[in-house]
């Protein structure tokens, strides 16, 4: 009996659900900091260049 009442309640709610688009656009802000990786890669590359060519520095 409770199952029938629950199904009847769900059937009544089915007509009440509205899905509408938001008024404002959805904005997702992703702040990704990759500077540390770039600095390390450049520092390693510079160190290799200095070791390979000590006479130009």
N, C-alpha and C. Protein backbone atom coordinates (compact mmCIF):
# COMPACT_ATOMS: atom_id res chain seq x y z
N UNK A 1 0.82 -1.19 0.00
CA UNK A 1 0.00 0.00 0.00
C UNK A 1 0.87 1.26 0.00
N UNK A 2 1.97 1.21 0.78
CA UNK A 2 2.85 2.37 0.82
C UNK A 2 3.53 2.59 -0.53
N UNK A 3 3.81 1.49 -1.22
CA UNK A 3 4.45 1.60 -2.53
C UNK A 3 3.53 2.29 -3.53
N UNK A 4 2.25 1.99 -3.46
CA UNK A 4 1.29 2.62 -4.37
C UNK A 4 1.18 4.11 -4.06
N UNK A 5 1.18 4.45 -2.78
CA UNK A 5 1.11 5.86 -2.40
C UNK A 5 2.36 6.60 -2.84
N UNK A 6 3.51 5.95 -2.73
CA UNK A 6 4.76 6.58 -3.16
C UNK A 6 4.75 6.79 -4.67
N UNK A 7 4.30 5.80 -5.43
CA UNK A 7 4.22 5.95 -6.88
C UNK A 7 3.23 7.03 -7.28
N UNK A 8 2.13 7.12 -6.57
CA UNK A 8 1.15 8.17 -6.86
C UNK A 8 1.74 9.54 -6.58
N UNK A 9 2.50 9.65 -5.50
CA UNK A 9 3.16 10.92 -5.18
C UNK A 9 4.18 11.30 -6.23
N UNK A 10 4.93 10.32 -6.72
CA UNK A 10 5.91 10.60 -7.77
C UNK A 10 5.22 11.00 -9.07
N UNK A 11 4.10 10.38 -9.36
CA UNK A 11 3.35 10.73 -10.56
C UNK A 11 2.84 12.16 -10.49
N UNK A 12 2.43 12.60 -9.32
CA UNK A 12 1.97 13.98 -9.16
C UNK A 12 3.13 14.97 -9.29
N UNK A 13 4.30 14.58 -8.82
CA UNK A 13 5.45 15.47 -8.91
C UNK A 13 6.03 15.55 -10.32
N UNK A 14 5.78 14.57 -11.13
CA UNK A 14 6.36 14.53 -12.47
C UNK A 14 5.94 15.74 -13.29
N UNK A 15 4.76 16.24 -13.10
CA UNK A 15 4.29 17.40 -13.84
C UNK A 15 4.81 18.71 -13.29
N UNK A 16 5.42 18.70 -12.12
CA UNK A 16 5.87 19.94 -11.48
C UNK A 16 7.33 20.27 -11.74
N UNK A 17 8.06 19.39 -12.37
CA UNK A 17 9.49 19.61 -12.56
C UNK A 17 9.70 20.39 -13.85
N UNK A 18 10.37 21.53 -13.73
CA UNK A 18 10.69 22.36 -14.89
C UNK A 18 12.20 22.51 -14.99
N UNK A 19 12.71 22.35 -16.19
CA UNK A 19 14.14 22.55 -16.43
C UNK A 19 14.26 23.73 -17.37
N UNK A 20 14.90 24.79 -16.89
CA UNK A 20 15.06 25.99 -17.72
C UNK A 20 16.52 26.39 -17.75
N UNK A 21 16.90 27.06 -18.81
CA UNK A 21 18.27 27.55 -18.94
C UNK A 21 18.47 28.73 -18.00
N UNK A 22 19.67 28.88 -17.45
CA UNK A 22 19.92 30.01 -16.55
C UNK A 22 19.92 31.33 -17.32
N UNK A 23 19.60 32.41 -16.62
CA UNK A 23 19.59 33.74 -17.24
C UNK A 23 21.00 34.19 -17.60
N UNK A 24 21.95 33.89 -16.73
CA UNK A 24 23.34 34.30 -16.95
C UNK A 24 24.13 33.09 -17.45
N UNK A 25 25.17 33.33 -18.25
CA UNK A 25 25.98 32.20 -18.71
C UNK A 25 26.75 31.56 -17.56
N UNK A 26 26.99 30.29 -17.69
CA UNK A 26 27.77 29.57 -16.68
C UNK A 26 29.24 29.85 -16.94
N UNK A 27 29.93 30.34 -15.93
CA UNK A 27 31.34 30.69 -16.06
C UNK A 27 32.15 29.75 -15.18
N UNK A 28 33.13 29.11 -15.78
CA UNK A 28 34.04 28.23 -15.04
C UNK A 28 35.42 28.85 -15.13
N UNK A 29 35.97 29.22 -13.99
CA UNK A 29 37.29 29.83 -13.96
C UNK A 29 38.30 28.81 -13.48
N UNK A 30 39.27 28.55 -14.32
CA UNK A 30 40.33 27.62 -13.96
C UNK A 30 41.64 28.39 -13.94
N UNK A 31 42.20 28.55 -12.77
CA UNK A 31 43.50 29.20 -12.64
C UNK A 31 44.54 28.10 -12.46
N UNK A 32 45.28 27.85 -13.52
CA UNK A 32 46.28 26.81 -13.48
C UNK A 32 47.65 27.46 -13.54
N UNK A 33 48.47 27.16 -12.57
CA UNK A 33 49.80 27.75 -12.51
C UNK A 33 50.83 26.72 -12.96
N UNK A 34 51.37 26.93 -14.16
CA UNK A 34 52.40 26.02 -14.68
C UNK A 34 53.76 26.70 -14.71
N UNK A 35 53.87 27.84 -14.09
CA UNK A 35 55.10 28.62 -14.12
C UNK A 35 56.26 27.86 -13.49
N UNK A 36 56.02 27.16 -12.41
CA UNK A 36 57.09 26.45 -11.71
C UNK A 36 57.71 25.39 -12.61
N UNK A 37 56.90 24.67 -13.36
CA UNK A 37 57.42 23.66 -14.27
C UNK A 37 58.25 24.30 -15.38
N UNK A 38 57.78 25.41 -15.90
CA UNK A 38 58.49 26.09 -16.98
C UNK A 38 59.81 26.64 -16.47
N UNK A 39 59.81 27.24 -15.29
CA UNK A 39 61.04 27.79 -14.72
C UNK A 39 62.06 26.68 -14.49
N UNK A 40 61.61 25.55 -13.95
CA UNK A 40 62.53 24.44 -13.72
C UNK A 40 63.09 23.90 -15.03
N UNK A 41 62.25 23.80 -16.04
CA UNK A 41 62.71 23.30 -17.33
C UNK A 41 63.72 24.26 -17.95
N UNK A 42 63.45 25.56 -17.86
CA UNK A 42 64.38 26.55 -18.41
C UNK A 42 65.67 26.59 -17.62
N UNK A 43 65.59 26.47 -16.31
CA UNK A 43 66.80 26.48 -15.48
C UNK A 43 67.67 25.27 -15.80
N UNK A 44 67.06 24.12 -15.98
CA UNK A 44 67.82 22.92 -16.32
C UNK A 44 68.44 23.05 -17.70
N UNK A 45 67.69 23.59 -18.64
CA UNK A 45 68.20 23.78 -19.99
C UNK A 45 69.35 24.78 -19.99
N UNK A 46 69.22 25.86 -19.22
CA UNK A 46 70.29 26.85 -19.13
C UNK A 46 71.53 26.24 -18.49
N UNK A 47 71.37 25.45 -17.47
CA UNK A 47 72.51 24.81 -16.81
C UNK A 47 73.21 23.86 -17.78
N UNK A 48 72.46 23.13 -18.56
CA UNK A 48 73.06 22.23 -19.56
C UNK A 48 73.81 23.02 -20.63
N UNK A 49 73.24 24.13 -21.05
CA UNK A 49 73.89 24.96 -22.06
C UNK A 49 75.19 25.55 -21.53
N UNK A 50 75.18 26.01 -20.29
CA UNK A 50 76.40 26.57 -19.68
C UNK A 50 77.46 25.49 -19.54
N UNK A 51 77.06 24.30 -19.13
CA UNK A 51 78.03 23.20 -18.99
C UNK A 51 78.61 22.79 -20.35
N UNK A 52 77.77 22.80 -21.37
CA UNK A 52 78.23 22.40 -22.70
C UNK A 52 79.09 23.47 -23.36
N UNK A 53 78.86 24.73 -23.02
CA UNK A 53 79.57 25.86 -23.65
C UNK A 53 80.09 26.83 -22.59
N UNK A 54 81.03 26.44 -21.76
CA UNK A 54 81.49 27.33 -20.69
C UNK A 54 82.24 28.55 -21.22
N UNK A 55 82.77 28.49 -22.43
CA UNK A 55 83.57 29.60 -22.94
C UNK A 55 82.73 30.77 -23.44
N UNK A 56 81.43 30.59 -23.67
CA UNK A 56 80.62 31.70 -24.18
C UNK A 56 80.00 32.54 -23.05
N UNK A 57 80.17 32.10 -21.81
CA UNK A 57 79.58 32.86 -20.71
C UNK A 57 80.65 33.48 -19.88
